[in-house]
Amino acid sequence: MGDLLADHTTLRLGDPADRLHTHTDPTTWPDLLAELSSRTWVLGGGSNVLAPDAGHRGTVLIMATRGITTTHGPRGTVEVTARAGEPLAELVAHTVAHGLSGIEYLTGIPGTAGAAPVQNAGAYGQEIAHTLTTLTAHDHHTARTVRLTREQCRFGYRTSRFKPEPGRFTILDVTLRLTPRANAAPIPTRTWPKPSTSPSGRPHHWPKPPPA
């Protein structure tokens, strides 16, 4: 029996897969492709995934490649490329630490950089589609590794071309175009005051929210 899928998903559900492989070295991708079958299921951070109780009759590939690089973009922007297995929260933290704006509000979203384009992850008015310029993916239908533009990803609200075609593409990296901004920061967590109470102990009124 293989590793439990429950150990690799945030919902802690799922029996073993026939084979589980953690992919960490991008240079081994061509060799790994030769070993993968049509029954391969690619898993990132394991969030937003309901693994079957019966496990998976095939290979589960844990995409765990890491790495972030930056280059100068047009008109003073900065292009940030992240490997697919880079945790999204850590990618956001990296960009904020370097004074880059565009994805800072995505800090609380679980998962990986490679999974974010699949459902066009977003929060507070920001979404991956706003900053993504290109991504690299392997198309298992054509057996080719391709570079797709934002337009080719066909983003919509919490969707993309990848969502209705599960298993066709494996995203390998994403490139985002961000804007330098000294005060780039995630939305802070707020602590809301408790309502005042009447002598009976029942809520009397809710105070106004604190100013933004």
N, C-alpha and C. Protein backbone atom coordinates (compact mmCIF):
# COMPACT_ATOMS: atom_id res chain seq x y z
N MET A 1 0.84 -1.19 0.00
CA MET A 1 0.00 0.00 0.00
C MET A 1 0.88 1.25 0.00
N GLY A 2 0.45 2.28 -0.75
CA GLY A 2 1.22 3.51 -0.81
C GLY A 2 0.84 4.47 0.29
N ASP A 3 1.38 5.68 0.19
CA ASP A 3 1.06 6.72 1.17
C ASP A 3 -0.40 7.11 1.05
N LEU A 4 -1.00 7.45 2.18
CA LEU A 4 -2.39 7.91 2.19
C LEU A 4 -2.48 9.27 1.51
N LEU A 5 -3.46 9.44 0.63
CA LEU A 5 -3.71 10.75 0.05
C LEU A 5 -4.13 11.74 1.12
N ALA A 6 -4.73 11.22 2.19
CA ALA A 6 -5.15 12.08 3.29
C ALA A 6 -3.98 12.85 3.90
N ASP A 7 -2.78 12.30 3.79
CA ASP A 7 -1.60 12.97 4.34
C ASP A 7 -1.13 14.12 3.46
N HIS A 8 -1.74 14.27 2.28
CA HIS A 8 -1.29 15.28 1.33
C HIS A 8 -2.41 16.23 0.90
N THR A 9 -3.53 16.20 1.62
CA THR A 9 -4.65 17.10 1.32
C THR A 9 -5.08 17.80 2.61
N THR A 10 -5.55 19.03 2.47
CA THR A 10 -5.93 19.80 3.65
C THR A 10 -7.19 19.26 4.32
N LEU A 11 -8.04 18.56 3.56
CA LEU A 11 -9.25 17.97 4.15
C LEU A 11 -8.97 16.64 4.85
N ARG A 12 -7.75 16.12 4.69
CA ARG A 12 -7.32 14.87 5.33
C ARG A 12 -8.23 13.71 4.95
N LEU A 13 -8.54 13.63 3.64
CA LEU A 13 -9.36 12.54 3.13
C LEU A 13 -8.60 11.83 2.02
N GLY A 14 -8.87 10.53 1.85
CA GLY A 14 -8.29 9.79 0.74
C GLY A 14 -7.41 8.64 1.18
N ASP A 15 -7.65 7.47 0.58
CA ASP A 15 -6.84 6.28 0.83
C ASP A 15 -5.60 6.30 -0.06
N PRO A 16 -4.79 5.26 -0.03
CA PRO A 16 -3.51 5.30 -0.76
C PRO A 16 -3.67 5.32 -2.28
N ALA A 17 -2.64 5.84 -2.94
CA ALA A 17 -2.49 5.73 -4.38
C ALA A 17 -1.59 4.53 -4.67
N ASP A 18 -1.68 4.00 -5.89
CA ASP A 18 -0.79 2.90 -6.25
C ASP A 18 0.67 3.34 -6.16
N ARG A 19 0.91 4.58 -6.57
CA ARG A 19 2.28 5.12 -6.51
C ARG A 19 2.19 6.61 -6.25
N LEU A 20 3.06 7.12 -5.39
CA LEU A 20 3.11 8.55 -5.11
C LEU A 20 4.55 9.02 -5.30
N HIS A 21 4.70 10.04 -6.15
CA HIS A 21 6.03 10.56 -6.45
C HIS A 21 6.05 12.06 -6.19
N THR A 22 7.04 12.53 -5.42
CA THR A 22 7.20 13.95 -5.16
C THR A 22 8.24 14.51 -6.12
N HIS A 23 7.80 15.46 -6.96
CA HIS A 23 8.68 16.03 -7.99
C HIS A 23 9.28 17.33 -7.48
N THR A 24 10.60 17.35 -7.27
CA THR A 24 11.27 18.52 -6.72
C THR A 24 12.31 19.12 -7.66
N ASP A 25 12.79 18.36 -8.63
CA ASP A 25 13.88 18.81 -9.49
C ASP A 25 13.36 19.05 -10.91
N PRO A 26 13.24 20.31 -11.34
CA PRO A 26 12.70 20.60 -12.68
C PRO A 26 13.51 19.96 -13.81
N THR A 27 14.80 19.73 -13.59
CA THR A 27 15.63 19.17 -14.66
C THR A 27 15.29 17.72 -14.96
N THR A 28 14.59 17.05 -14.05
CA THR A 28 14.25 15.64 -14.27
C THR A 28 12.88 15.48 -14.93
N TRP A 29 12.22 16.60 -15.26
CA TRP A 29 10.87 16.51 -15.83
C TRP A 29 10.82 15.66 -17.11
N PRO A 30 11.74 15.83 -18.08
CA PRO A 30 11.67 15.00 -19.29
C PRO A 30 11.75 13.50 -18.98
N ASP A 31 12.62 13.12 -18.05
CA ASP A 31 12.74 11.71 -17.70
C ASP A 31 11.49 11.23 -16.97
N LEU A 32 10.94 12.09 -16.13
CA LEU A 32 9.74 11.72 -15.37
C LEU A 32 8.56 11.49 -16.30
N LEU A 33 8.46 12.29 -17.36
CA LEU A 33 7.36 12.15 -18.31
C LEU A 33 7.29 10.74 -18.88
N ALA A 34 8.44 10.15 -19.12
CA ALA A 34 8.48 8.82 -19.71
C ALA A 34 7.89 7.77 -18.78
N GLU A 35 7.85 8.08 -17.48
CA GLU A 35 7.34 7.13 -16.50
C GLU A 35 5.86 7.32 -16.20
N LEU A 36 5.31 8.49 -16.56
CA LEU A 36 3.94 8.79 -16.20
C LEU A 36 2.96 8.11 -17.14
N SER A 37 1.84 7.69 -16.59
CA SER A 37 0.80 7.06 -17.39
C SER A 37 -0.38 8.01 -17.52
N SER A 38 -1.38 7.58 -18.27
CA SER A 38 -2.58 8.40 -18.44
C SER A 38 -3.38 8.49 -17.14
N ARG A 39 -3.04 7.66 -16.17
CA ARG A 39 -3.75 7.67 -14.89
C ARG A 39 -2.96 8.43 -13.82
N THR A 40 -2.20 9.43 -14.26
CA THR A 40 -1.44 10.26 -13.33
C THR A 40 -2.28 11.45 -12.89
N TRP A 41 -2.29 11.69 -11.60
CA TRP A 41 -3.03 12.81 -11.01
C TRP A 41 -2.00 13.74 -10.38
N VAL A 42 -1.96 15.00 -10.83
CA VAL A 42 -0.99 15.97 -10.32
C VAL A 42 -1.62 16.72 -9.15
N LEU A 43 -0.88 16.78 -8.05
CA LEU A 43 -1.37 17.41 -6.82
C LEU A 43 -0.38 18.49 -6.40
N GLY A 44 -0.91 19.66 -6.03
CA GLY A 44 -0.04 20.74 -5.55
C GLY A 44 -0.01 20.75 -4.03
N GLY A 45 -0.59 21.78 -3.44
CA GLY A 45 -0.61 21.87 -1.99
C GLY A 45 -1.70 21.04 -1.34
N GLY A 46 -2.60 20.48 -2.15
CA GLY A 46 -3.65 19.62 -1.60
C GLY A 46 -4.85 20.36 -1.07
N SER A 47 -4.94 21.67 -1.32
CA SER A 47 -6.11 22.43 -0.89
C SER A 47 -7.17 22.38 -1.99
N ASN A 48 -8.43 22.55 -1.60
CA ASN A 48 -9.54 22.55 -2.56
C ASN A 48 -9.59 21.24 -3.34
N VAL A 49 -9.21 20.15 -2.67
CA VAL A 49 -9.18 18.83 -3.32
C VAL A 49 -9.92 17.83 -2.44
N LEU A 50 -10.82 17.08 -3.05
CA LEU A 50 -11.53 16.01 -2.35
C LEU A 50 -11.02 14.68 -2.90
N ALA A 51 -10.08 14.07 -2.19
CA ALA A 51 -9.49 12.82 -2.65
C ALA A 51 -10.45 11.66 -2.39
N PRO A 52 -10.52 10.68 -3.29
CA PRO A 52 -11.48 9.58 -3.13
C PRO A 52 -11.12 8.66 -1.98
N ASP A 53 -12.15 8.14 -1.31
CA ASP A 53 -11.92 7.18 -0.23
C ASP A 53 -11.22 5.93 -0.73
N ALA A 54 -11.44 5.61 -2.00
CA ALA A 54 -10.83 4.40 -2.57
C ALA A 54 -9.38 4.63 -2.99
N GLY A 55 -8.86 5.83 -2.78
CA GLY A 55 -7.51 6.13 -3.21
C GLY A 55 -7.46 6.40 -4.70
N HIS A 56 -6.30 6.22 -5.31
CA HIS A 56 -6.13 6.48 -6.75
C HIS A 56 -5.40 5.31 -7.39
N ARG A 57 -6.05 4.71 -8.37
CA ARG A 57 -5.44 3.58 -9.09
C ARG A 57 -4.53 4.13 -10.18
N GLY A 58 -3.36 4.52 -9.81
CA GLY A 58 -2.39 5.10 -10.72
C GLY A 58 -1.36 5.87 -9.91
N THR A 59 -0.71 6.83 -10.56
CA THR A 59 0.34 7.62 -9.92
C THR A 59 -0.21 8.98 -9.49
N VAL A 60 0.12 9.38 -8.28
CA VAL A 60 -0.13 10.75 -7.83
C VAL A 60 1.21 11.47 -7.82
N LEU A 61 1.28 12.55 -8.58
CA LEU A 61 2.51 13.33 -8.68
C LEU A 61 2.37 14.58 -7.83
N ILE A 62 3.16 14.67 -6.77
CA ILE A 62 3.16 15.87 -5.92
C ILE A 62 4.11 16.88 -6.56
N MET A 63 3.56 17.99 -7.04
CA MET A 63 4.38 19.03 -7.67
C MET A 63 4.99 19.90 -6.58
N ALA A 64 6.28 19.69 -6.32
CA ALA A 64 6.95 20.37 -5.21
C ALA A 64 8.20 21.12 -5.67
N THR A 65 8.25 21.50 -6.94
CA THR A 65 9.38 22.29 -7.42
C THR A 65 9.32 23.69 -6.81
N ARG A 66 10.47 24.20 -6.39
CA ARG A 66 10.52 25.50 -5.73
C ARG A 66 11.49 26.41 -6.45
N GLY A 67 11.29 27.71 -6.27
CA GLY A 67 12.21 28.69 -6.83
C GLY A 67 11.49 29.91 -7.36
N ILE A 68 12.07 31.09 -7.11
CA ILE A 68 11.52 32.36 -7.58
C ILE A 68 12.65 33.17 -8.20
N THR A 69 12.44 33.67 -9.41
CA THR A 69 13.42 34.53 -10.06
C THR A 69 12.74 35.82 -10.51
N THR A 70 13.51 36.89 -10.62
CA THR A 70 12.95 38.18 -11.05
C THR A 70 13.79 38.76 -12.17
N THR A 71 13.12 39.47 -13.07
CA THR A 71 13.78 40.20 -14.15
C THR A 71 13.08 41.54 -14.34
N HIS A 72 13.75 42.47 -14.99
CA HIS A 72 13.14 43.77 -15.26
C HIS A 72 12.12 43.62 -16.38
N GLY A 73 10.92 44.18 -16.16
CA GLY A 73 9.88 44.16 -17.18
C GLY A 73 9.76 45.52 -17.85
N PRO A 74 8.80 45.66 -18.74
CA PRO A 74 8.62 46.94 -19.44
C PRO A 74 8.05 48.03 -18.53
N ARG A 75 8.38 49.27 -18.84
CA ARG A 75 7.82 50.45 -18.16
C ARG A 75 7.98 50.39 -16.65
N GLY A 76 9.16 49.96 -16.21
CA GLY A 76 9.47 49.97 -14.78
C GLY A 76 8.88 48.84 -13.98
N THR A 77 8.24 47.88 -14.62
CA THR A 77 7.67 46.75 -13.90
C THR A 77 8.74 45.69 -13.62
N VAL A 78 8.36 44.71 -12.82
CA VAL A 78 9.26 43.60 -12.50
C VAL A 78 8.52 42.30 -12.80
N GLU A 79 9.17 41.39 -13.52
CA GLU A 79 8.55 40.11 -13.84
C GLU A 79 9.10 39.04 -12.90
N VAL A 80 8.19 38.37 -12.22
CA VAL A 80 8.54 37.37 -11.22
C VAL A 80 8.09 36.01 -11.74
N THR A 81 9.02 35.07 -11.83
CA THR A 81 8.70 33.71 -12.27
C THR A 81 8.85 32.76 -11.10
N ALA A 82 7.81 31.98 -10.85
CA ALA A 82 7.81 31.03 -9.74
C ALA A 82 7.58 29.62 -10.26
N ARG A 83 8.31 28.67 -9.73
CA ARG A 83 8.07 27.27 -10.05
C ARG A 83 6.70 26.85 -9.53
N ALA A 84 6.14 25.83 -10.15
CA ALA A 84 4.76 25.45 -9.86
C ALA A 84 4.54 25.02 -8.41
N GLY A 85 5.56 24.44 -7.78
CA GLY A 85 5.38 23.95 -6.42
C GLY A 85 5.62 24.99 -5.34
N GLU A 86 5.94 26.22 -5.74
CA GLU A 86 6.17 27.28 -4.75
C GLU A 86 4.84 27.60 -4.05
N PRO A 87 4.79 27.52 -2.72
CA PRO A 87 3.55 27.87 -2.02
C PRO A 87 3.13 29.31 -2.35
N LEU A 88 1.86 29.50 -2.65
CA LEU A 88 1.39 30.82 -3.05
C LEU A 88 1.64 31.85 -1.95
N ALA A 89 1.43 31.46 -0.70
CA ALA A 89 1.64 32.39 0.41
C ALA A 89 3.10 32.85 0.48
N GLU A 90 4.03 31.95 0.17
CA GLU A 90 5.44 32.32 0.21
C GLU A 90 5.83 33.18 -0.99
N LEU A 91 5.18 32.93 -2.12
CA LEU A 91 5.40 33.79 -3.28
C LEU A 91 4.92 35.21 -2.98
N VAL A 92 3.75 35.33 -2.36
CA VAL A 92 3.23 36.65 -1.99
C VAL A 92 4.18 37.33 -1.01
N ALA A 93 4.63 36.59 0.00
CA ALA A 93 5.55 37.16 0.99
C ALA A 93 6.84 37.65 0.34
N HIS A 94 7.32 36.90 -0.63
CA HIS A 94 8.55 37.29 -1.35
C HIS A 94 8.34 38.60 -2.09
N THR A 95 7.22 38.72 -2.79
CA THR A 95 6.98 39.94 -3.57
C THR A 95 6.78 41.15 -2.66
N VAL A 96 6.08 40.96 -1.55
CA VAL A 96 5.87 42.07 -0.62
C VAL A 96 7.20 42.51 -0.01
N ALA A 97 8.04 41.53 0.34
CA ALA A 97 9.34 41.86 0.94
C ALA A 97 10.22 42.65 -0.03
N HIS A 98 9.97 42.48 -1.33
CA HIS A 98 10.75 43.21 -2.33
C HIS A 98 10.00 44.43 -2.86
N GLY A 99 8.94 44.83 -2.15
CA GLY A 99 8.23 46.06 -2.51
C GLY A 99 7.49 45.98 -3.83
N LEU A 100 6.90 44.81 -4.13
CA LEU A 100 6.19 44.63 -5.39
C LEU A 100 4.70 44.45 -5.14
N SER A 101 3.89 45.13 -5.92
CA SER A 101 2.44 45.10 -5.74
C SER A 101 1.76 44.40 -6.91
N GLY A 102 0.65 43.73 -6.59
CA GLY A 102 -0.14 43.07 -7.62
C GLY A 102 -0.80 41.79 -7.14
N ILE A 103 -0.16 41.12 -6.15
CA ILE A 103 -0.75 39.89 -5.62
C ILE A 103 -0.76 39.88 -4.09
N GLU A 104 -0.51 41.04 -3.47
CA GLU A 104 -0.37 41.06 -2.01
C GLU A 104 -1.63 40.64 -1.28
N TYR A 105 -2.80 40.82 -1.88
CA TYR A 105 -4.05 40.46 -1.20
C TYR A 105 -4.35 38.96 -1.29
N LEU A 106 -3.52 38.22 -1.99
CA LEU A 106 -3.72 36.77 -2.13
C LEU A 106 -3.02 35.99 -1.03
N THR A 107 -2.50 36.69 -0.03
CA THR A 107 -1.66 36.05 0.97
C THR A 107 -2.35 34.94 1.75
N GLY A 108 -3.65 35.01 1.95
CA GLY A 108 -4.34 34.00 2.75
C GLY A 108 -4.85 32.81 1.97
N ILE A 109 -4.58 32.78 0.67
CA ILE A 109 -5.09 31.69 -0.17
C ILE A 109 -4.12 30.51 -0.11
N PRO A 110 -4.61 29.32 0.24
CA PRO A 110 -3.72 28.16 0.30
C PRO A 110 -3.38 27.65 -1.10
N GLY A 111 -2.46 26.71 -1.16
CA GLY A 111 -2.12 26.10 -2.44
C GLY A 111 -0.79 26.60 -2.98
N THR A 112 -0.54 26.29 -4.24
CA THR A 112 0.74 26.57 -4.87
C THR A 112 0.59 27.56 -6.02
N ALA A 113 1.74 28.08 -6.47
CA ALA A 113 1.74 29.01 -7.59
C ALA A 113 1.21 28.34 -8.85
N GLY A 114 1.52 27.06 -9.04
CA GLY A 114 1.07 26.36 -10.23
C GLY A 114 -0.41 26.07 -10.24
N ALA A 115 -1.01 25.95 -9.06
CA ALA A 115 -2.45 25.68 -8.98
C ALA A 115 -3.27 26.96 -9.10
N ALA A 116 -2.68 28.10 -8.76
CA ALA A 116 -3.43 29.36 -8.73
C ALA A 116 -4.09 29.72 -10.06
N PRO A 117 -3.43 29.50 -11.22
CA PRO A 117 -4.11 29.85 -12.48
C PRO A 117 -5.30 28.96 -12.81
N VAL A 118 -5.35 27.75 -12.28
CA VAL A 118 -6.40 26.81 -12.66
C VAL A 118 -7.78 27.39 -12.35
N GLN A 119 -7.93 27.93 -11.14
CA GLN A 119 -9.22 28.54 -10.80
C GLN A 119 -9.12 30.06 -10.69
N ASN A 120 -8.04 30.61 -11.26
CA ASN A 120 -7.85 32.06 -11.25
C ASN A 120 -8.03 32.60 -9.83
N ALA A 121 -7.18 32.13 -8.94
CA ALA A 121 -7.27 32.48 -7.53
C ALA A 121 -7.26 33.99 -7.34
N GLY A 122 -8.08 34.47 -6.41
CA GLY A 122 -8.15 35.90 -6.18
C GLY A 122 -8.79 36.25 -4.86
N ALA A 123 -8.63 37.50 -4.45
CA ALA A 123 -9.23 38.01 -3.22
C ALA A 123 -9.14 39.53 -3.21
N TYR A 124 -10.16 40.17 -2.65
CA TYR A 124 -10.17 41.62 -2.45
C TYR A 124 -9.88 42.40 -3.74
N GLY A 125 -10.41 41.91 -4.85
CA GLY A 125 -10.26 42.63 -6.10
C GLY A 125 -9.03 42.28 -6.91
N GLN A 126 -8.12 41.50 -6.34
CA GLN A 126 -6.95 41.04 -7.09
C GLN A 126 -7.15 39.59 -7.49
N GLU A 127 -6.66 39.21 -8.66
CA GLU A 127 -6.67 37.82 -9.06
C GLU A 127 -5.46 37.55 -9.95
N ILE A 128 -5.10 36.29 -10.04
CA ILE A 128 -3.90 35.92 -10.79
C ILE A 128 -3.94 36.44 -12.23
N ALA A 129 -5.12 36.44 -12.83
CA ALA A 129 -5.24 36.88 -14.23
C ALA A 129 -4.80 38.32 -14.43
N HIS A 130 -4.86 39.15 -13.39
CA HIS A 130 -4.50 40.56 -13.53
C HIS A 130 -3.00 40.75 -13.75
N THR A 131 -2.18 39.83 -13.24
CA THR A 131 -0.73 40.02 -13.30
C THR A 131 0.00 38.96 -14.11
N LEU A 132 -0.63 37.82 -14.37
CA LEU A 132 0.05 36.75 -15.10
C LEU A 132 0.27 37.17 -16.55
N THR A 133 1.49 37.02 -17.02
CA THR A 133 1.80 37.31 -18.42
C THR A 133 1.90 36.03 -19.24
N THR A 134 2.62 35.03 -18.70
CA THR A 134 2.75 33.74 -19.37
C THR A 134 2.90 32.65 -18.32
N LEU A 135 2.70 31.42 -18.76
CA LEU A 135 3.03 30.27 -17.92
C LEU A 135 3.53 29.15 -18.82
N THR A 136 4.32 28.28 -18.22
CA THR A 136 4.82 27.10 -18.93
C THR A 136 4.02 25.89 -18.47
N ALA A 137 3.55 25.10 -19.41
CA ALA A 137 2.76 23.91 -19.07
C ALA A 137 3.09 22.79 -20.03
N HIS A 138 2.95 21.57 -19.55
CA HIS A 138 3.08 20.43 -20.45
C HIS A 138 1.69 19.99 -20.87
N ASP A 139 1.49 19.90 -22.18
CA ASP A 139 0.22 19.47 -22.75
C ASP A 139 0.33 17.96 -23.00
N HIS A 140 -0.38 17.19 -22.19
CA HIS A 140 -0.28 15.73 -22.30
C HIS A 140 -1.01 15.20 -23.53
N HIS A 141 -1.89 16.00 -24.13
CA HIS A 141 -2.58 15.56 -25.35
C HIS A 141 -1.65 15.61 -26.56
N THR A 142 -0.79 16.63 -26.60
CA THR A 142 0.12 16.78 -27.74
C THR A 142 1.54 16.33 -27.41
N ALA A 143 1.78 16.00 -26.13
CA ALA A 143 3.12 15.59 -25.68
C ALA A 143 4.15 16.69 -25.90
N ARG A 144 3.71 17.95 -25.74
CA ARG A 144 4.61 19.09 -25.92
C ARG A 144 4.54 20.00 -24.70
N THR A 145 5.68 20.62 -24.38
CA THR A 145 5.70 21.66 -23.36
C THR A 145 5.50 23.00 -24.06
N VAL A 146 4.52 23.77 -23.58
CA VAL A 146 4.10 24.99 -24.28
C VAL A 146 4.19 26.19 -23.35
N ARG A 147 4.29 27.36 -23.96
CA ARG A 147 4.27 28.62 -23.23
C ARG A 147 2.96 29.31 -23.59
N LEU A 148 2.10 29.53 -22.61
CA LEU A 148 0.79 30.11 -22.85
C LEU A 148 0.72 31.53 -22.32
N THR A 149 0.10 32.41 -23.10
CA THR A 149 -0.10 33.79 -22.67
C THR A 149 -1.35 33.89 -21.80
N ARG A 150 -1.54 35.06 -21.20
CA ARG A 150 -2.74 35.29 -20.40
C ARG A 150 -4.00 35.03 -21.23
N GLU A 151 -4.01 35.52 -22.47
CA GLU A 151 -5.18 35.35 -23.32
C GLU A 151 -5.44 33.87 -23.62
N GLN A 152 -4.38 33.11 -23.82
CA GLN A 152 -4.54 31.69 -24.12
C GLN A 152 -5.02 30.89 -22.91
N CYS A 153 -4.85 31.44 -21.72
CA CYS A 153 -5.32 30.76 -20.51
C CYS A 153 -6.84 30.89 -20.34
N ARG A 154 -7.45 31.83 -21.06
CA ARG A 154 -8.90 32.03 -21.05
C ARG A 154 -9.45 32.12 -19.62
N PHE A 155 -8.95 33.10 -18.91
CA PHE A 155 -9.37 33.29 -17.53
C PHE A 155 -10.79 33.84 -17.45
N GLY A 156 -11.50 33.42 -16.41
CA GLY A 156 -12.79 33.98 -16.05
C GLY A 156 -12.86 34.04 -14.54
N TYR A 157 -14.02 34.36 -14.01
CA TYR A 157 -14.15 34.44 -12.56
C TYR A 157 -13.99 33.04 -11.96
N ARG A 158 -12.89 32.83 -11.25
CA ARG A 158 -12.52 31.58 -10.59
C ARG A 158 -12.51 30.39 -11.56
N THR A 159 -12.08 30.66 -12.79
CA THR A 159 -11.97 29.59 -13.76
C THR A 159 -10.92 29.93 -14.80
N SER A 160 -10.59 28.97 -15.65
CA SER A 160 -9.61 29.14 -16.72
C SER A 160 -9.80 27.98 -17.70
N ARG A 161 -9.00 27.94 -18.74
CA ARG A 161 -9.10 26.84 -19.70
C ARG A 161 -8.68 25.51 -19.08
N PHE A 162 -7.93 25.57 -17.97
CA PHE A 162 -7.43 24.35 -17.35
C PHE A 162 -8.49 23.62 -16.52
N LYS A 163 -9.44 24.36 -16.00
CA LYS A 163 -10.42 23.77 -15.09
C LYS A 163 -11.33 22.75 -15.77
N PRO A 164 -11.87 23.02 -16.97
CA PRO A 164 -12.74 22.02 -17.60
C PRO A 164 -12.00 20.89 -18.30
N GLU A 165 -10.66 20.94 -18.30
CA GLU A 165 -9.87 19.89 -18.94
C GLU A 165 -8.88 19.29 -17.95
N PRO A 166 -9.36 18.73 -16.86
CA PRO A 166 -8.43 18.17 -15.87
C PRO A 166 -7.59 17.05 -16.47
N GLY A 167 -6.30 17.09 -16.17
CA GLY A 167 -5.42 16.05 -16.67
C GLY A 167 -4.73 16.37 -17.98
N ARG A 168 -5.20 17.41 -18.68
CA ARG A 168 -4.55 17.71 -19.96
C ARG A 168 -3.24 18.45 -19.77
N PHE A 169 -3.23 19.47 -18.90
CA PHE A 169 -2.04 20.30 -18.71
C PHE A 169 -1.45 20.09 -17.32
N THR A 170 -0.12 20.09 -17.26
CA THR A 170 0.59 20.19 -15.99
C THR A 170 1.36 21.50 -16.02
N ILE A 171 0.99 22.43 -15.15
CA ILE A 171 1.65 23.74 -15.11
C ILE A 171 3.00 23.59 -14.42
N LEU A 172 4.04 24.13 -15.06
CA LEU A 172 5.41 23.99 -14.56
C LEU A 172 5.94 25.27 -13.92
N ASP A 173 5.54 26.42 -14.43
CA ASP A 173 5.92 27.69 -13.80
C ASP A 173 4.97 28.78 -14.25
N VAL A 174 4.96 29.88 -13.51
CA VAL A 174 4.12 31.04 -13.86
C VAL A 174 4.98 32.30 -13.80
N THR A 175 4.69 33.25 -14.68
CA THR A 175 5.38 34.53 -14.68
C THR A 175 4.37 35.65 -14.48
N LEU A 176 4.62 36.49 -13.48
CA LEU A 176 3.74 37.59 -13.14
C LEU A 176 4.45 38.92 -13.37
N ARG A 177 3.71 39.92 -13.81
CA ARG A 177 4.28 41.26 -13.99
C ARG A 177 3.74 42.15 -12.88
N LEU A 178 4.64 42.59 -11.99
CA LEU A 178 4.25 43.34 -10.80
C LEU A 178 4.83 44.76 -10.84
N THR A 179 4.25 45.61 -10.00
CA THR A 179 4.63 47.02 -9.97
C THR A 179 5.34 47.36 -8.67
N PRO A 180 6.52 47.98 -8.74
CA PRO A 180 7.19 48.40 -7.50
C PRO A 180 6.33 49.40 -6.73
N ARG A 181 6.18 49.15 -5.44
CA ARG A 181 5.40 50.04 -4.59
C ARG A 181 5.90 49.87 -3.16
N ALA A 182 6.38 50.94 -2.58
CA ALA A 182 7.03 50.86 -1.28
C ALA A 182 6.09 50.37 -0.18
N ASN A 183 4.80 50.70 -0.29
CA ASN A 183 3.86 50.33 0.78
C ASN A 183 3.04 49.09 0.45
N ALA A 184 3.52 48.24 -0.45
CA ALA A 184 2.81 47.01 -0.77
C ALA A 184 2.72 46.14 0.47
N ALA A 185 1.52 45.73 0.82
CA ALA A 185 1.33 44.92 2.03
C ALA A 185 0.00 44.19 1.95
N PRO A 186 -0.08 43.00 2.56
CA PRO A 186 -1.36 42.29 2.60
C PRO A 186 -2.38 43.07 3.41
N ILE A 187 -3.67 42.77 3.19
CA ILE A 187 -4.72 43.37 4.01
C ILE A 187 -4.56 42.84 5.43
N PRO A 188 -4.45 43.72 6.43
CA PRO A 188 -4.24 43.25 7.80
C PRO A 188 -5.48 42.55 8.35
N THR A 189 -5.23 41.61 9.26
CA THR A 189 -6.34 40.95 9.94
C THR A 189 -6.93 41.90 10.96
N ARG A 190 -8.25 42.06 10.93
CA ARG A 190 -8.90 42.98 11.85
C ARG A 190 -9.50 42.25 13.04
N THR A 191 -9.47 42.89 14.18
CA THR A 191 -10.16 42.38 15.36
C THR A 191 -11.39 43.25 15.58
N TRP A 192 -12.56 42.65 15.47
CA TRP A 192 -13.80 43.41 15.60
C TRP A 192 -14.22 43.46 17.06
N PRO A 193 -14.67 44.63 17.54
CA PRO A 193 -15.11 44.74 18.93
C PRO A 193 -16.38 43.96 19.18
N LYS A 194 -16.55 43.52 20.42
CA LYS A 194 -17.77 42.81 20.79
C LYS A 194 -18.92 43.80 20.94
N PRO A 195 -20.16 43.34 20.72
CA PRO A 195 -21.30 44.24 20.88
C PRO A 195 -21.51 44.57 22.35
N SER A 196 -22.02 45.78 22.60
CA SER A 196 -22.37 46.11 23.98
C SER A 196 -23.62 45.32 24.36
N THR A 197 -23.82 45.09 25.63
CA THR A 197 -24.94 44.27 26.08
C THR A 197 -25.83 45.05 27.03
N SER A 198 -27.09 44.65 27.06
CA SER A 198 -28.04 45.23 27.99
C SER A 198 -27.91 44.51 29.33
N PRO A 199 -28.57 45.00 30.39
CA PRO A 199 -28.49 44.32 31.69
C PRO A 199 -28.92 42.86 31.63
N SER A 200 -29.77 42.50 30.65
CA SER A 200 -30.21 41.11 30.55
C SER A 200 -29.14 40.22 29.95
N GLY A 201 -28.08 40.84 29.45
CA GLY A 201 -27.02 40.06 28.82
C GLY A 201 -27.20 39.90 27.33
N ARG A 202 -28.32 40.41 26.80
CA ARG A 202 -28.54 40.31 25.36
C ARG A 202 -27.81 41.44 24.63
N PRO A 203 -27.41 41.19 23.39
CA PRO A 203 -26.75 42.26 22.63
C PRO A 203 -27.64 43.48 22.51
N HIS A 204 -27.08 44.63 22.79
CA HIS A 204 -27.84 45.88 22.72
C HIS A 204 -27.68 46.53 21.35
N HIS A 205 -26.46 46.62 20.88
CA HIS A 205 -26.23 47.11 19.53
C HIS A 205 -24.82 46.72 19.12
N TRP A 206 -24.62 46.64 17.80
CA TRP A 206 -23.28 46.38 17.28
C TRP A 206 -22.61 47.72 16.99
N PRO A 207 -21.40 47.92 17.48
CA PRO A 207 -20.71 49.17 17.17
C PRO A 207 -20.36 49.23 15.69
N LYS A 208 -20.12 50.43 15.21
CA LYS A 208 -19.72 50.59 13.81
C LYS A 208 -18.36 49.95 13.59
N PRO A 209 -18.13 49.41 12.37
CA PRO A 209 -16.81 48.84 12.09
C PRO A 209 -15.73 49.90 12.23
N PRO A 210 -14.53 49.48 12.62
CA PRO A 210 -13.44 50.45 12.72
C PRO A 210 -13.13 51.02 11.35
N PRO A 211 -12.65 52.25 11.29
CA PRO A 211 -12.35 52.85 9.99
C PRO A 211 -11.25 52.09 9.28
N ALA A 212 -11.30 52.10 7.94
CA ALA A 212 -10.28 51.40 7.15
C ALA A 212 -8.95 52.11 7.26
